[in-house]
Amino acid sequence: MKLKELPIDVVPLAGAAPAFRASVPPAELRALCEQARARKARLVALWGSDETRRRAGYALHLALALPSGLLWLSLALPRKDPRYPGIADIYPAADRMQRACADLLGIRADDADSRKWLRHGAWPEGEFPLRKDFDSGARPAQQLDRYPFVAVEGEGVHEIPVGPVHAGTIEPGHFRFSIVGEKILRLEQRLGYKHKGIEKRFEAMSLEEGAKLAGRVSGDSTVAYAWAYAMAVEGAAGAQPPRRALALRAILLELERIANHLGDLGYLGNDVALSFGFSQFWRLKEELLRAHARLFGHRYLMDAIVPGGVARDLPRAEAEGLVQVLEAMRREVVTLQSIYEEHAGAQDRFIMTGQVLPELAERMGLNGFAGRASGVRHDLRVDYPIAPYPQLDPRMISHTRGDVAARVSMRFEEVFESMRLIQALVQELPPGAIRSTVPRAGSGASGVGWVEGWRGEVLIALEADGDRIHRLHPHDPSWQSWPLLEHAVHGNIVPDFPLINKSFNLSYSGQDL
């Protein structure tokens, strides 16, 4: 069939999310991306695969969000010198994805930034850990990479290197500030210091085994990744989860959203010396995490979603008890919101700090709540609603100022909306089974999972060989958002960086697969 937005032949992919797949020659990639960009299509992800066990050579893959759904494009590349035309000038967010693809597979983009993004000397030069012949058990030679940061020159310009090891128990990331006085002229990031080999590990797993790993790609988004993985497996295998399981998945997803926003609202108070806000929001988050453990067996809801459905039911009495917990919590959050909004010191630090204007946010592909705070109105629950969201009529919340204050307001409003959605789900929780059988996927089957996590859209692109995983790419929305943090700090003072950084709260782990 022809795709309405682009003149290419596509094959529909089975599954909950509207998705299509197509193959294009490398020579046509740029023209196709230019047409897609002109039609407001967004770049969701870019990755590669080693196809030597199926056919000669490699492949480059792109996922584009079009009005009709997700388009998964694949380009066949030769075994010798696999190259393709770079698209970072069309989609700036592709830059780091292209660099990661070069590090992991040796697939290189023409006319592109050639600096290492993920290697950090962790494996020998000239070897690529996502190639099928890579020996992951061999001890790599330690080779230091001297990363060529961009230097800013001029009178009074100084550099402040921060990280990759930080004072708190967080994952590593390096931030190179160029400053005059306390004003930030430039920030350059370098991430990927603890490459975990998750994508390589998937290739040794069955579809059933992969579910546990998918939920651990980024621990604060375990529900989003687990649902996206289950959706991809169900699409590849032709399985349909029960209606009750889909409703329970949505409850879990919204609980994850609430928990993360509560924690970050506390941290944001702490960053402006409002320690009262920190203690109150973290008390509320702790209450919610304990409810998670009591109802679903894990504080962070790990392993609650499985291919075919969910692992644990929510009886009526427990569901109604959850609603009561959330209603009591809602009343407290309303009070805390008024305290934040009326606190002159907090608002002075929030307003017009770390601003990302709508035009730049759209150009760079910022998504999730941070994108909506900058006027980029995309939310998969509204744009491409999967069951049970069509019956819930979720409200898309957005602002246009794009500063810390807008991102704080987004979190408050999304907490209230998620509470409303959970209440509606509990009232109409369908009866029946919570899990269906997932048949064996066919040889060469593929599936896509696409879920609006609390931070933004999470993608799982799966290629299966029977019950084994041939290639699985998990994509975190932080890939699109990290470059915007570099822009958001321009002209701000150094002490505001922790505040701006926390207002986004991007994932190191989801970057460092």
Protein backbone atom coordinates (compact mmCIF):
# COMPACT_ATOMS: atom_id res chain seq x y z
CA MET A 1 0.00 0.00 0.00
CA LYS A 2 1.03 3.62 -0.46
CA LEU A 3 1.53 5.86 2.54
CA LYS A 4 -0.61 8.97 2.24
CA GLU A 5 2.10 11.38 3.44
CA LEU A 6 5.04 9.99 1.43
CA PRO A 7 5.26 8.37 -2.02
CA ILE A 8 6.56 4.97 -0.86
CA ASP A 9 5.16 1.47 -0.65
CA VAL A 10 4.64 0.31 2.94
CA VAL A 11 3.55 -2.83 4.75
CA PRO A 12 1.30 -2.35 7.81
CA LEU A 13 2.66 -3.84 11.02
CA ALA A 14 0.27 -5.74 13.26
CA GLY A 15 -0.16 -4.41 16.77
CA ALA A 16 -1.79 -1.77 18.91
CA ALA A 17 0.11 1.26 17.59
CA PRO A 18 -0.49 2.37 13.97
CA ALA A 19 2.79 1.41 12.32
CA PHE A 20 4.14 0.70 8.85
CA ARG A 21 7.39 -0.63 7.45
CA ALA A 22 9.19 0.15 4.21
CA SER A 23 12.57 -0.35 2.54
CA VAL A 24 14.28 2.44 0.62
CA PRO A 25 17.63 2.69 -1.19
CA PRO A 26 20.29 4.79 0.59
CA ALA A 27 20.36 7.22 -2.32
CA GLU A 28 16.73 8.16 -1.64
CA LEU A 29 17.10 8.69 2.12
CA ARG A 30 17.74 12.42 2.18
CA ALA A 31 15.00 13.29 -0.29
CA LEU A 32 12.55 11.19 1.68
CA CYS A 33 13.57 12.82 4.98
CA GLU A 34 13.27 16.28 3.45
CA GLN A 35 9.74 15.45 2.29
CA ALA A 36 8.88 14.02 5.69
CA ARG A 37 10.25 17.09 7.47
CA ALA A 38 8.25 19.37 5.19
CA ARG A 39 5.14 17.45 6.28
CA LYS A 40 5.99 17.95 9.98
CA ALA A 41 7.07 14.34 10.47
CA ARG A 42 9.23 13.83 13.57
CA LEU A 43 12.33 11.66 13.86
CA VAL A 44 11.65 9.18 16.67
CA ALA A 45 14.80 7.03 16.43
CA LEU A 46 17.75 5.98 14.26
CA TRP A 47 19.67 2.72 14.74
CA GLY A 48 21.46 -0.02 12.83
CA SER A 49 21.66 -3.80 12.63
CA ASP A 50 24.04 -6.52 11.47
CA GLU A 51 22.22 -8.64 8.90
CA THR A 52 25.00 -11.15 8.09
CA ARG A 53 23.00 -14.10 9.45
CA ARG A 54 20.00 -13.24 7.31
CA ARG A 55 21.59 -11.69 4.24
CA ALA A 56 24.83 -9.97 3.38
CA GLY A 57 25.63 -6.60 4.88
CA TYR A 58 24.09 -4.26 7.40
CA ALA A 59 20.97 -2.16 7.68
CA LEU A 60 20.16 1.34 8.87
CA HIS A 61 16.74 1.94 10.42
CA LEU A 62 14.74 5.09 11.08
CA ALA A 63 11.43 5.59 12.84
CA LEU A 64 9.42 8.62 11.74
CA ALA A 65 6.20 9.85 13.34
CA LEU A 66 3.68 10.79 10.65
CA PRO A 67 0.03 11.81 11.01
CA SER A 68 -1.03 8.28 9.98
CA GLY A 69 1.32 6.57 12.45
CA LEU A 70 4.88 5.35 12.87
CA LEU A 71 6.94 4.63 9.76
CA TRP A 72 9.86 2.20 10.20
CA LEU A 73 12.27 2.73 7.31
CA SER A 74 15.11 0.28 6.56
CA LEU A 75 18.09 0.78 4.25
CA ALA A 76 20.24 -2.16 3.14
CA LEU A 77 23.97 -1.35 3.35
CA PRO A 78 26.94 -3.33 2.00
CA ARG A 79 29.21 -5.42 4.19
CA LYS A 80 32.28 -3.51 3.03
CA ASP A 81 32.32 0.17 4.04
CA PRO A 82 28.67 0.53 5.10
CA ARG A 83 27.84 4.19 4.64
CA TYR A 84 24.75 6.28 4.12
CA PRO A 85 23.92 9.97 3.57
CA GLY A 86 23.75 11.80 6.91
CA ILE A 87 20.51 13.52 7.88
CA ALA A 88 21.56 15.60 10.91
CA ASP A 89 21.10 18.82 8.95
CA ILE A 90 17.47 17.78 8.32
CA TYR A 91 16.84 16.28 11.75
CA PRO A 92 19.40 17.69 14.24
CA ALA A 93 18.47 15.03 16.80
CA ALA A 94 19.96 12.43 14.46
CA ASP A 95 23.52 13.63 15.13
CA ARG A 96 24.19 11.64 18.30
CA MET A 97 22.20 8.66 17.03
CA GLN A 98 24.40 8.56 13.91
CA ARG A 99 27.52 8.72 16.07
CA ALA A 100 26.26 5.90 18.31
CA CYS A 101 25.51 3.80 15.23
CA ALA A 102 29.09 4.34 14.02
CA ASP A 103 30.51 3.33 17.42
CA LEU A 104 28.39 0.22 17.81
CA LEU A 105 28.25 -1.12 14.26
CA GLY A 106 30.74 0.78 12.09
CA ILE A 107 27.87 2.16 9.99
CA ARG A 108 28.89 5.71 9.19
CA ALA A 109 27.04 8.75 7.93
CA ASP A 110 28.60 10.92 5.23
CA ASP A 111 29.42 14.53 6.11
CA ALA A 112 28.71 13.88 9.80
CA ASP A 113 30.33 14.48 13.18
CA SER A 114 32.93 11.70 13.46
CA ARG A 115 33.67 12.06 17.19
CA LYS A 116 33.10 8.98 19.35
CA TRP A 117 29.88 9.07 21.34
CA LEU A 118 29.70 5.76 23.21
CA ARG A 119 33.07 4.04 22.88
CA HIS A 120 35.14 5.83 25.55
CA GLY A 121 37.94 3.33 24.88
CA ALA A 122 35.77 0.55 26.34
CA TRP A 123 36.44 -1.76 23.40
CA PRO A 124 39.31 -1.85 20.91
CA GLU A 125 39.42 0.60 18.04
CA GLY A 126 38.08 -1.04 14.89
CA GLU A 127 35.76 -3.44 16.76
CA PHE A 128 32.01 -2.95 17.02
CA PRO A 129 30.00 -4.54 19.82
CA LEU A 130 26.71 -4.89 17.93
CA ARG A 131 28.24 -6.88 15.11
CA LYS A 132 27.34 -10.55 15.26
CA ASP A 133 30.98 -11.66 15.36
CA PHE A 134 31.91 -9.42 18.32
CA ASP A 135 33.29 -11.39 21.26
CA SER A 136 31.58 -9.82 24.24
CA GLY A 137 33.45 -12.09 26.64
CA ALA A 138 36.92 -10.96 25.58
CA ARG A 139 38.66 -8.49 27.85
CA PRO A 140 38.93 -5.24 25.87
CA ALA A 141 42.15 -3.32 25.57
CA GLN A 142 42.05 -0.08 27.55
CA GLN A 143 42.50 2.78 25.14
CA LEU A 144 41.94 6.37 26.18
CA ASP A 145 39.92 8.59 23.88
CA ARG A 146 40.95 12.22 23.89
CA TYR A 147 37.62 13.76 23.16
CA PRO A 148 37.86 17.01 21.15
CA PHE A 149 35.52 19.32 23.04
CA VAL A 150 34.72 22.56 21.25
CA ALA A 151 36.81 25.33 22.82
CA VAL A 152 35.37 28.81 23.37
CA GLU A 153 37.98 31.54 23.23
CA GLY A 154 37.91 35.16 24.24
CA GLU A 155 38.82 37.54 27.02
CA GLY A 156 37.67 36.31 30.42
CA VAL A 157 36.40 32.93 29.16
CA HIS A 158 36.98 30.01 31.51
CA GLU A 159 36.06 26.34 31.41
CA ILE A 160 34.43 24.39 34.23
CA PRO A 161 34.51 20.59 33.79
CA VAL A 162 31.80 18.78 35.78
CA GLY A 163 31.73 15.00 36.05
CA PRO A 164 31.56 12.34 34.77
CA VAL A 165 31.70 11.28 38.44
CA HIS A 166 29.26 13.33 40.50
CA ALA A 167 28.84 13.99 44.20
CA GLY A 168 25.51 12.13 44.39
CA THR A 169 24.67 8.51 43.67
CA ILE A 170 23.72 9.12 40.05
CA GLU A 171 24.91 7.83 36.71
CA PRO A 172 27.91 9.46 35.05
CA GLY A 173 27.84 12.30 32.57
CA HIS A 174 30.35 15.00 31.71
CA PHE A 175 29.38 18.67 31.34
CA ARG A 176 31.93 21.12 29.94
CA PHE A 177 30.92 24.73 30.70
CA SER A 178 32.44 27.75 29.00
CA ILE A 179 31.71 30.80 31.17
CA VAL A 180 32.40 34.48 31.65
CA GLY A 181 31.99 35.33 35.31
CA GLU A 182 29.01 33.23 36.30
CA LYS A 183 27.22 33.47 32.94
CA ILE A 184 27.20 30.33 30.77
CA LEU A 185 28.31 30.93 27.18
CA ARG A 186 28.29 27.29 26.11
CA LEU A 187 27.65 23.83 27.49
CA GLU A 188 28.89 20.67 25.81
CA GLN A 189 27.84 17.26 27.09
CA ARG A 190 29.46 13.88 26.83
CA LEU A 191 27.49 10.84 27.92
CA GLY A 192 27.75 7.07 27.56
CA TYR A 193 30.34 6.33 30.23
CA LYS A 194 28.76 3.09 31.49
CA HIS A 195 27.73 1.37 28.30
CA LYS A 196 25.78 -1.65 29.55
CA GLY A 197 25.56 -3.80 26.42
CA ILE A 198 21.77 -4.13 26.71
CA GLU A 199 21.15 -4.31 22.96
CA LYS A 200 23.79 -7.03 22.60
CA ARG A 201 22.31 -8.94 25.55
CA PHE A 202 18.87 -8.95 23.92
CA GLU A 203 20.28 -10.86 20.96
CA ALA A 204 20.98 -13.87 23.20
CA MET A 205 17.46 -13.95 24.62
CA SER A 206 14.10 -15.45 23.82
CA LEU A 207 11.07 -13.18 23.50
CA GLU A 208 9.90 -14.28 26.94
CA GLU A 209 13.28 -13.64 28.56
CA GLY A 210 13.57 -10.21 26.96
CA ALA A 211 10.61 -8.84 28.92
CA LYS A 212 12.56 -8.71 32.17
CA LEU A 213 15.50 -6.90 30.59
CA ALA A 214 13.27 -4.42 28.73
CA GLY A 215 11.84 -3.22 32.02
CA ARG A 216 15.35 -2.43 33.21
CA VAL A 217 16.60 -0.29 30.33
CA SER A 218 15.89 2.81 32.43
CA GLY A 219 14.64 2.07 35.92
CA ASP A 220 12.46 5.15 36.34
CA SER A 221 10.55 4.21 33.17
CA THR A 222 10.16 0.48 33.71
CA VAL A 223 6.41 0.48 32.94
CA ALA A 224 6.82 2.43 29.70
CA TYR A 225 9.59 0.14 28.43
CA ALA A 226 7.85 -3.04 29.56
CA TRP A 227 4.61 -2.02 27.84
CA ALA A 228 6.43 -1.01 24.66
CA TYR A 229 8.27 -4.34 24.67
CA ALA A 230 5.08 -6.32 25.27
CA MET A 231 3.37 -4.38 22.47
CA ALA A 232 6.21 -5.18 20.07
CA VAL A 233 6.17 -8.90 20.94
CA GLU A 234 2.38 -9.07 20.68
CA GLY A 235 2.51 -7.39 17.28
CA ALA A 236 5.22 -9.75 16.00
CA ALA A 237 3.38 -12.83 17.31
CA GLY A 238 -0.17 -11.74 16.54
CA ALA A 239 -1.33 -11.79 20.17
CA GLN A 240 -4.10 -9.69 21.70
CA PRO A 241 -4.00 -8.89 25.44
CA PRO A 242 -7.30 -9.02 27.37
CA ARG A 243 -9.15 -5.74 27.89
CA ARG A 244 -8.64 -5.93 31.66
CA ALA A 245 -4.88 -6.26 31.17
CA LEU A 246 -4.79 -3.17 28.96
CA ALA A 247 -6.66 -1.15 31.58
CA LEU A 248 -4.26 -2.35 34.28
CA ARG A 249 -1.29 -1.39 32.08
CA ALA A 250 -2.66 2.14 31.80
CA ILE A 251 -3.08 2.34 35.59
CA LEU A 252 0.55 1.26 36.01
CA LEU A 253 1.75 3.78 33.41
CA GLU A 254 -0.06 6.67 35.08
CA LEU A 255 1.20 5.63 38.52
CA GLU A 256 4.74 5.71 37.16
CA ARG A 257 4.10 9.21 35.79
CA ILE A 258 2.78 10.45 39.14
CA ALA A 259 5.67 8.96 41.14
CA ASN A 260 8.34 10.56 38.95
CA HIS A 261 6.69 13.96 38.89
CA LEU A 262 6.26 13.95 42.67
CA GLY A 263 9.93 13.16 43.20
CA ASP A 264 11.11 15.80 40.76
CA LEU A 265 8.83 18.47 42.23
CA GLY A 266 10.56 17.77 45.53
CA TYR A 267 14.00 18.05 43.98
CA LEU A 268 13.03 21.29 42.23
CA GLY A 269 12.00 22.75 45.57
CA ASN A 270 15.30 21.64 47.05
CA ASP A 271 17.25 23.32 44.23
CA VAL A 272 15.74 26.71 45.17
CA ALA A 273 16.34 26.20 48.91
CA LEU A 274 12.70 25.29 49.58
CA SER A 275 13.52 22.24 51.66
CA PHE A 276 9.93 22.06 52.91
CA GLY A 277 8.82 21.19 49.36
CA PHE A 278 11.50 18.53 49.07
CA SER A 279 10.46 16.78 52.28
CA GLN A 280 6.73 16.95 51.54
CA PHE A 281 6.90 15.69 47.97
CA TRP A 282 9.26 12.87 48.87
CA ARG A 283 6.95 11.86 51.71
CA LEU A 284 4.13 11.65 49.18
CA LYS A 285 6.29 9.73 46.71
CA GLU A 286 7.27 7.26 49.44
CA GLU A 287 3.59 6.69 50.25
CA LEU A 288 2.93 5.96 46.59
CA LEU A 289 5.92 3.62 46.24
CA ARG A 290 4.73 1.66 49.26
CA ALA A 291 1.29 1.39 47.64
CA HIS A 292 3.01 0.07 44.48
CA ALA A 293 4.79 -2.62 46.49
CA ARG A 294 1.60 -3.60 48.32
CA LEU A 295 -0.60 -3.78 45.23
CA PHE A 296 1.79 -4.91 42.50
CA GLY A 297 4.75 -6.47 44.32
CA HIS A 298 7.45 -3.90 43.47
CA ARG A 299 8.05 -0.30 44.53
CA TYR A 300 8.98 0.71 40.98
CA LEU A 301 6.48 -1.65 39.30
CA MET A 302 9.10 -3.86 37.68
CA ASP A 303 7.91 -7.09 36.01
CA ALA A 304 4.26 -6.04 36.37
CA ILE A 305 3.75 -5.97 32.58
CA VAL A 306 4.49 -9.11 30.55
CA PRO A 307 3.84 -10.09 26.93
CA GLY A 308 0.21 -11.08 26.69
CA GLY A 309 -0.98 -8.97 29.62
CA VAL A 310 0.03 -8.25 33.20
CA ALA A 311 1.50 -10.42 35.95
CA ARG A 312 -0.81 -9.38 38.77
CA ASP A 313 -4.48 -8.47 39.05
CA LEU A 314 -5.99 -5.56 40.98
CA PRO A 315 -9.09 -6.72 42.88
CA ARG A 316 -11.98 -4.30 43.25
CA ALA A 317 -11.37 -3.53 46.94
CA GLU A 318 -7.67 -2.81 46.35
CA ALA A 319 -8.49 -0.68 43.30
CA GLU A 320 -10.91 1.43 45.29
CA GLY A 321 -8.32 1.74 48.06
CA LEU A 322 -5.82 3.03 45.51
CA VAL A 323 -8.28 5.71 44.40
CA GLN A 324 -8.70 6.80 48.02
CA VAL A 325 -4.93 7.04 48.46
CA LEU A 326 -4.65 9.16 45.30
CA GLU A 327 -7.54 11.43 46.31
CA ALA A 328 -5.92 12.18 49.67
CA MET A 329 -2.64 12.77 47.87
CA ARG A 330 -4.33 15.06 45.34
CA ARG A 331 -5.58 17.36 48.09
CA GLU A 332 -2.07 17.68 49.49
CA VAL A 333 -0.56 18.35 46.06
CA VAL A 334 -3.12 21.14 45.49
CA THR A 335 -1.91 22.80 48.69
CA LEU A 336 1.74 22.31 47.77
CA GLN A 337 1.14 23.79 44.33
CA SER A 338 -0.25 26.96 45.90
CA ILE A 339 2.81 27.16 48.18
CA TYR A 340 5.19 26.82 45.21
CA GLU A 341 3.28 29.38 43.16
CA GLU A 342 3.09 31.92 45.98
CA HIS A 343 6.69 31.52 47.12
CA ALA A 344 8.49 34.61 45.79
CA GLY A 345 11.96 33.10 46.10
CA ALA A 346 11.03 29.93 44.21
CA GLN A 347 9.22 31.81 41.45
CA ASP A 348 12.13 34.20 41.04
CA ARG A 349 14.37 31.21 40.35
CA PHE A 350 11.82 29.40 38.14
CA ILE A 351 10.50 32.13 35.85
CA MET A 352 12.48 32.77 32.61
CA THR A 353 15.22 30.35 33.72
CA GLY A 354 16.37 27.66 31.31
CA GLN A 355 14.03 28.77 28.53
CA VAL A 356 13.53 26.72 25.36
CA LEU A 357 11.32 28.57 22.91
CA PRO A 358 8.77 26.67 20.80
CA GLU A 359 10.54 27.16 17.45
CA LEU A 360 13.79 25.67 18.75
CA ALA A 361 11.99 22.89 20.60
CA GLU A 362 10.15 21.85 17.44
CA ARG A 363 13.27 22.08 15.30
CA MET A 364 15.33 19.92 17.66
CA GLY A 365 12.59 17.35 18.27
CA LEU A 366 11.96 17.95 21.97
CA ASN A 367 9.13 15.69 23.12
CA GLY A 368 7.37 14.58 26.28
CA PHE A 369 6.34 16.95 29.04
CA ALA A 370 9.41 19.16 28.40
CA GLY A 371 8.36 19.54 24.77
CA ARG A 372 4.77 20.33 25.74
CA ALA A 373 6.11 22.97 28.16
CA SER A 374 7.64 24.62 25.07
CA GLY A 375 4.52 24.47 22.94
CA VAL A 376 5.31 21.19 21.12
CA ARG A 377 1.92 19.53 21.36
CA HIS A 378 2.61 15.82 21.01
CA ASP A 379 1.33 13.11 23.34
CA LEU A 380 0.91 9.55 22.07
CA ARG A 381 -2.04 9.05 24.42
CA VAL A 382 -3.87 11.72 22.40
CA ASP A 383 -2.24 11.60 18.95
CA TYR A 384 -2.25 7.80 18.49
CA PRO A 385 -4.32 6.48 21.42
CA ILE A 386 -4.09 2.78 22.13
CA ALA A 387 -6.57 0.91 24.31
CA PRO A 388 -7.80 1.88 26.83
CA TYR A 389 -6.98 5.56 26.19
CA PRO A 390 -9.60 6.28 23.48
CA GLN A 391 -12.40 5.79 26.05
CA LEU A 392 -10.65 8.05 28.60
CA ASP A 393 -10.33 11.21 26.50
CA PRO A 394 -6.95 12.21 28.01
CA ARG A 395 -6.24 15.94 28.14
CA MET A 396 -3.05 17.17 26.49
CA ILE A 397 -1.49 19.78 28.77
CA SER A 398 0.86 22.34 27.27
CA HIS A 399 2.51 25.72 27.84
CA THR A 400 4.52 27.96 25.55
CA ARG A 401 7.04 29.78 27.75
CA GLY A 402 9.40 26.80 27.92
CA ASP A 403 11.17 27.80 31.15
CA VAL A 404 11.63 26.00 34.46
CA ALA A 405 8.34 27.49 35.68
CA ALA A 406 6.49 25.98 32.70
CA ARG A 407 8.06 22.57 33.28
CA VAL A 408 7.11 22.75 36.96
CA SER A 409 3.51 23.65 36.04
CA MET A 410 3.44 20.77 33.56
CA ARG A 411 4.35 18.34 36.32
CA PHE A 412 1.62 19.57 38.66
CA GLU A 413 -1.04 19.44 35.96
CA GLU A 414 0.05 16.03 34.70
CA VAL A 415 -0.12 14.63 38.24
CA PHE A 416 -3.75 15.75 38.50
CA GLU A 417 -4.62 14.43 35.03
CA SER A 418 -3.02 11.03 35.73
CA MET A 419 -5.00 10.79 38.96
CA ARG A 420 -8.19 11.50 37.01
CA LEU A 421 -7.33 8.84 34.43
CA ILE A 422 -6.66 6.22 37.12
CA GLN A 423 -9.98 7.00 38.80
CA ALA A 424 -11.79 6.60 35.46
CA LEU A 425 -9.98 3.31 34.77
CA VAL A 426 -10.87 1.89 38.16
CA GLN A 427 -14.54 2.82 37.72
CA GLU A 428 -14.73 0.99 34.38
CA LEU A 429 -12.22 -1.81 34.99
CA PRO A 430 -13.29 -4.61 32.60
CA PRO A 431 -13.86 -8.09 33.97
CA GLY A 432 -12.02 -11.16 32.72
CA ALA A 433 -8.53 -12.56 32.32
CA ILE A 434 -5.34 -10.56 32.83
CA ARG A 435 -3.11 -12.48 30.42
CA SER A 436 -3.47 -14.26 27.09
CA THR A 437 -1.21 -16.80 25.41
CA VAL A 438 1.45 -15.38 23.09
CA PRO A 439 2.05 -17.72 20.13
CA ARG A 440 5.44 -18.29 18.57
CA ALA A 441 6.44 -15.47 16.23
CA GLY A 442 7.19 -16.39 12.65
CA SER A 443 10.68 -16.28 11.14
CA GLY A 444 11.55 -12.70 10.21
CA ALA A 445 8.61 -11.27 12.18
CA SER A 446 8.83 -7.70 13.41
CA GLY A 447 6.88 -5.57 15.84
CA VAL A 448 6.84 -2.06 17.26
CA GLY A 449 5.97 -0.76 20.70
CA TRP A 450 5.35 2.98 21.08
CA VAL A 451 4.28 4.33 24.46
CA GLU A 452 4.03 7.80 26.03
CA GLY A 453 6.18 7.36 29.12
CA TRP A 454 6.37 10.01 31.82
CA ARG A 455 9.47 11.57 30.21
CA GLY A 456 8.28 11.24 26.62
CA GLU A 457 7.78 8.66 23.89
CA VAL A 458 9.48 5.28 24.36
CA LEU A 459 10.05 3.09 21.30
CA ILE A 460 10.85 -0.62 21.06
CA ALA A 461 11.64 -1.91 17.55
CA LEU A 462 11.83 -5.70 17.50
CA GLU A 463 12.94 -8.19 14.85
CA ALA A 464 12.40 -11.83 15.80
CA ASP A 465 13.43 -15.24 14.51
CA GLY A 466 10.79 -17.53 15.93
CA ASP A 467 10.98 -17.20 19.69
CA ARG A 468 14.47 -15.61 19.59
CA ILE A 469 15.41 -11.94 19.29
CA HIS A 470 17.39 -11.06 16.16
CA ARG A 471 17.62 -7.34 16.91
CA LEU A 472 15.91 -5.11 19.44
CA HIS A 473 16.38 -1.37 19.69
CA PRO A 474 14.98 0.47 22.73
CA HIS A 475 14.84 4.24 22.29
CA ASP A 476 14.58 6.75 25.12
CA PRO A 477 13.16 10.27 24.62
CA SER A 478 16.29 11.65 26.29
CA TRP A 479 18.15 11.25 22.99
CA GLN A 480 16.10 14.16 21.63
CA SER A 481 16.09 16.14 24.87
CA TRP A 482 19.73 16.19 26.02
CA PRO A 483 20.86 18.58 23.23
CA LEU A 484 18.11 21.02 24.27
CA LEU A 485 19.58 21.20 27.77
CA GLU A 486 22.75 22.60 26.18
CA HIS A 487 20.66 25.39 24.65
CA ALA A 488 18.49 25.94 27.73
CA VAL A 489 21.44 27.01 29.91
CA HIS A 490 22.76 29.71 27.54
CA GLY A 491 22.88 33.07 29.28
CA ASN A 492 21.96 31.59 32.66
CA ILE A 493 24.28 31.56 35.63
CA VAL A 494 26.21 28.47 36.69
CA PRO A 495 24.28 28.00 39.98
CA ASP A 496 21.06 27.64 37.97
CA PHE A 497 22.37 24.63 36.03
CA PRO A 498 21.27 22.03 38.63
CA LEU A 499 17.80 23.58 38.64
CA ILE A 500 17.51 23.61 34.84
CA ASN A 501 18.91 20.09 34.61
CA LYS A 502 16.41 18.74 37.16
CA SER A 503 13.52 20.51 35.43
CA PHE A 504 14.17 18.17 32.47
CA ASN A 505 15.44 15.19 34.53
CA LEU A 506 16.78 13.30 31.52
CA SER A 507 17.94 9.70 31.58
CA TYR A 508 21.62 8.79 31.45
CA SER A 509 20.69 5.11 31.47
CA GLY A 510 18.32 5.23 28.51
CA GLN A 511 21.12 6.81 26.47
CA ASP A 512 23.74 4.32 27.51
CA LEU A 513 22.40 1.03 26.23
